[in-house]
Protein backbone atom coordinates (compact mmCIF):
# COMPACT_ATOMS: atom_id res chain seq x y z
CA UNK A 1 -14.32 -5.42 1.30
CA UNK A 2 -11.31 -5.27 -0.42
CA UNK A 3 -8.08 -5.40 2.19
CA UNK A 4 -5.05 -2.66 2.20
CA UNK A 5 -2.85 -5.68 1.10
CA UNK A 6 -5.66 -6.59 -1.60
CA UNK A 7 -5.81 -2.33 -2.35
CA UNK A 8 -2.05 -2.59 -2.48
CA UNK A 9 -1.91 -5.64 -5.11
CA UNK A 10 -4.28 -3.74 -7.22
CA UNK A 11 -2.09 -0.22 -6.92
CA UNK A 12 0.34 -2.62 -8.36
CA UNK A 13 -1.02 -4.47 -10.88
CA UNK A 14 -2.42 -1.21 -12.38
CA UNK A 15 1.22 0.43 -11.94
CA UNK A 16 2.39 2.14 -15.18
CA UNK A 17 5.47 2.56 -16.03
CA UNK A 18 7.69 3.46 -19.25
CA UNK A 19 10.99 1.92 -17.19
CA UNK A 20 11.59 -1.48 -18.49
CA UNK A 21 13.03 -2.69 -15.46
CA UNK A 22 9.92 -1.57 -13.39
CA UNK A 23 7.98 -3.12 -15.28
CA UNK A 24 9.62 -6.42 -14.71
CA UNK A 25 9.17 -6.00 -10.88
CA UNK A 26 5.19 -6.09 -11.24
CA UNK A 27 5.01 -9.52 -11.39
CA UNK A 28 7.20 -10.30 -8.41
CA UNK A 29 5.68 -7.64 -6.46
CA UNK A 30 1.95 -9.59 -6.86
CA UNK A 31 3.49 -12.96 -5.76
CA UNK A 32 5.02 -11.52 -2.80
CA UNK A 33 1.49 -9.71 -1.59
CA UNK A 34 -0.03 -13.34 -2.13
CA UNK A 35 1.66 -14.17 1.39
CA UNK A 36 0.56 -12.96 4.90
CA UNK A 37 3.38 -11.91 6.34
CA UNK A 38 4.67 -9.84 3.18
CA UNK A 39 4.66 -6.72 5.06
CA UNK A 40 6.35 -8.31 8.12
CA UNK A 41 10.30 -7.71 7.90
CA UNK A 42 11.09 -11.72 9.19
CA UNK A 43 9.49 -12.77 5.96
CA UNK A 44 12.19 -14.20 3.53
CA UNK A 45 13.21 -14.16 1.12
CA UNK A 46 11.90 -10.95 1.13
CA UNK A 47 9.28 -7.97 2.34
CA UNK A 48 7.35 -4.96 1.62
CA UNK A 49 9.36 -1.87 2.32
CA UNK A 50 8.59 1.99 2.27
CA UNK A 51 10.72 5.03 1.14
CA UNK A 52 10.41 8.79 0.21
CA UNK A 53 11.87 10.38 -2.42
CA UNK A 54 12.28 13.90 -0.95
CA UNK A 55 12.36 16.33 -3.50
CA UNK A 56 13.32 20.81 -2.69
CA UNK A 57 9.71 22.62 -3.09
CA UNK A 58 11.78 23.82 -6.63
CA UNK A 59 12.16 20.24 -7.44
CA UNK A 60 15.73 20.82 -7.96
CA UNK A 61 17.50 18.66 -4.87
CA UNK A 62 16.85 15.63 -3.06
CA UNK A 63 17.39 14.55 0.34
CA UNK A 64 19.61 11.67 1.23
CA UNK A 65 20.61 9.87 4.08
CA UNK A 66 23.98 8.17 4.21
CA UNK A 67 22.82 4.92 5.60
CA UNK A 68 25.01 3.63 8.10
CA UNK A 69 24.83 -0.17 7.74
CA UNK A 70 24.38 0.19 3.82
CA UNK A 71 27.02 2.67 4.19
CA UNK A 72 26.06 4.14 1.32
CA UNK A 73 23.79 7.61 0.19
CA UNK A 74 20.27 6.59 -0.27
CA UNK A 75 16.25 7.79 0.21
CA UNK A 76 15.09 7.61 3.64
CA UNK A 77 12.66 4.53 4.05
CA UNK A 78 12.39 1.17 5.52
CA UNK A 79 10.44 -1.53 6.98
CA UNK A 80 6.78 -1.41 6.50
CA UNK A 81 6.36 -4.15 10.06
CA UNK A 82 3.40 -4.93 9.57
CA UNK A 83 1.66 -1.60 8.38
CA UNK A 84 -0.07 -1.83 5.43
CA UNK A 85 -0.42 1.59 4.13
CA UNK A 86 2.82 2.12 2.83
CA UNK A 87 2.24 5.91 1.93
CA UNK A 88 2.30 6.23 5.96
CA UNK A 89 5.20 4.22 6.39
CA UNK A 90 7.39 5.85 3.81
CA UNK A 91 6.44 9.15 5.79
CA UNK A 92 7.23 7.69 9.17
CA UNK A 93 10.65 6.83 7.77
CA UNK A 94 11.54 10.13 6.17
CA UNK A 95 10.39 11.69 9.28
CA UNK A 96 12.40 9.20 11.54
CA UNK A 97 15.55 9.60 9.37
CA UNK A 98 15.75 13.36 8.42
CA UNK A 99 13.68 14.81 11.37
CA UNK A 100 11.45 16.83 8.79
CA UNK A 101 8.35 17.28 10.36
CA UNK A 102 6.66 19.24 7.29
CA UNK A 103 6.71 16.34 4.60
CA UNK A 104 3.81 16.35 1.95
CA UNK A 105 3.34 13.57 -0.60
CA UNK A 106 3.45 15.18 -3.85
CA UNK A 107 0.47 12.26 -4.74
CA UNK A 108 -0.98 9.32 -3.32
CA UNK A 109 0.10 7.20 -6.45
CA UNK A 110 2.85 5.09 -6.25
CA UNK A 111 5.73 6.87 -7.85
CA UNK A 112 8.67 4.21 -8.14
CA UNK A 113 8.81 0.39 -7.31
CA UNK A 114 11.93 -1.54 -6.94
CA UNK A 115 13.61 -4.82 -5.29
CA UNK A 116 16.96 -4.84 -4.56
CA UNK A 117 19.00 -7.09 -2.46
CA UNK A 118 20.23 -6.52 1.06
CA UNK A 119 23.41 -7.91 2.45
CA UNK A 120 23.35 -10.50 4.95
CA UNK A 121 24.50 -9.20 8.42
CA UNK A 122 25.24 -11.94 11.42
CA UNK A 123 21.52 -12.29 12.83
CA UNK A 124 19.97 -12.07 9.59
CA UNK A 125 20.30 -13.42 5.77
CA UNK A 126 20.62 -12.22 2.34
CA UNK A 127 17.17 -11.15 1.38
CA UNK A 128 15.11 -8.69 -1.02
CA UNK A 129 13.34 -5.34 -0.47
CA UNK A 130 10.22 -5.02 -2.56
CA UNK A 131 10.64 -1.33 -2.27
CA UNK A 132 7.61 0.97 -2.58
CA UNK A 133 8.26 4.34 -3.43
CA UNK A 134 6.64 7.76 -2.93
CA UNK A 135 7.67 11.61 -4.11
CA UNK A 136 7.59 13.63 -1.35
CA UNK A 137 8.25 17.44 -1.34
CA UNK A 138 9.83 19.47 1.70
CA UNK A 139 11.32 22.84 2.36
CA UNK A 140 15.14 23.13 2.15
CA UNK A 141 14.54 25.42 5.42
CA UNK A 142 13.63 23.00 7.72
CA UNK A 143 16.11 21.73 10.35
CA UNK A 144 17.27 18.08 9.43
CA UNK A 145 18.37 15.67 12.00
CA UNK A 146 20.91 12.79 11.46
CA UNK A 147 19.32 9.65 13.43
CA UNK A 148 21.11 6.69 14.86
CA UNK A 149 20.73 4.98 11.43
CA UNK A 150 22.56 7.27 9.38
CA UNK A 151 26.33 8.46 9.11
CA UNK A 152 24.67 12.04 8.09
CA UNK A 153 21.56 13.67 6.05
CA UNK A 154 22.02 15.69 3.05
CA UNK A 155 20.35 17.92 0.53
CA UNK A 156 21.69 17.16 -3.10
CA UNK A 157 21.16 18.89 -6.60
CA UNK A 158 19.42 16.43 -8.53
CA UNK A 159 22.18 17.18 -11.34
CA UNK A 160 25.02 15.83 -8.49
CA UNK A 161 23.01 12.94 -8.00
CA UNK A 162 25.36 10.56 -9.82
CA UNK A 163 28.28 11.86 -7.54
CA UNK A 164 26.17 10.25 -3.97
CA UNK A 165 24.40 7.41 -5.71
CA UNK A 166 24.61 5.78 -9.02
CA UNK A 167 22.26 3.28 -8.71
CA UNK A 168 19.91 2.81 -11.97
CA UNK A 169 17.29 2.64 -9.43
CA UNK A 170 18.07 5.87 -7.83
CA UNK A 171 18.74 7.67 -11.14
CA UNK A 172 15.30 6.78 -12.41
CA UNK A 173 13.93 8.43 -9.47
CA UNK A 174 15.87 11.41 -10.26
CA UNK A 175 14.96 11.40 -14.16
CA UNK A 176 10.64 11.05 -13.47
CA UNK A 177 11.30 14.51 -11.36
CA UNK A 178 13.19 16.02 -14.17
CA UNK A 179 9.99 15.19 -16.56
CA UNK A 180 7.52 16.31 -14.24
CA UNK A 181 7.47 19.90 -14.67
CA UNK A 182 3.82 20.44 -14.39
CA UNK A 183 4.67 20.23 -10.25
CA UNK A 184 6.92 23.36 -10.32
């Protein structure tokens, strides 16, 4: 019987992307997934996280949170905390950080992968988040809420995304959405 961890490793192994930065992450993800505590936030030097790149129904906007600890605009997401169903983690975090109830996975397939450093805090050292990202649709008409983890939550036009976050990993997700005309 294949475990969820094994299943995730298999999905990462077969993950297909045309972005060279993502290709370089596959080996590192597979190495991390050999550790039994990879889904725990205490696993160092890094651990699995899940996030949701939330887009409007017409694919012209994305919902970003202004993360309080990191002081930057990002897609909602967070720690797996032992949950090996990372799509569920991404949806849970999106709900907690935005208040949206009607979130729909566009596909159960992984949308994007990224490894990024998280700065040290007084109670935890510098470490990496091995982020598995899912594409999620939501209505811009639903009420959004700002959680205690954020300073703000805002729908941002994709064409203005660089004004909020110009990091390659975020712009890569925007570029992927722009290339998905079959979703409209």
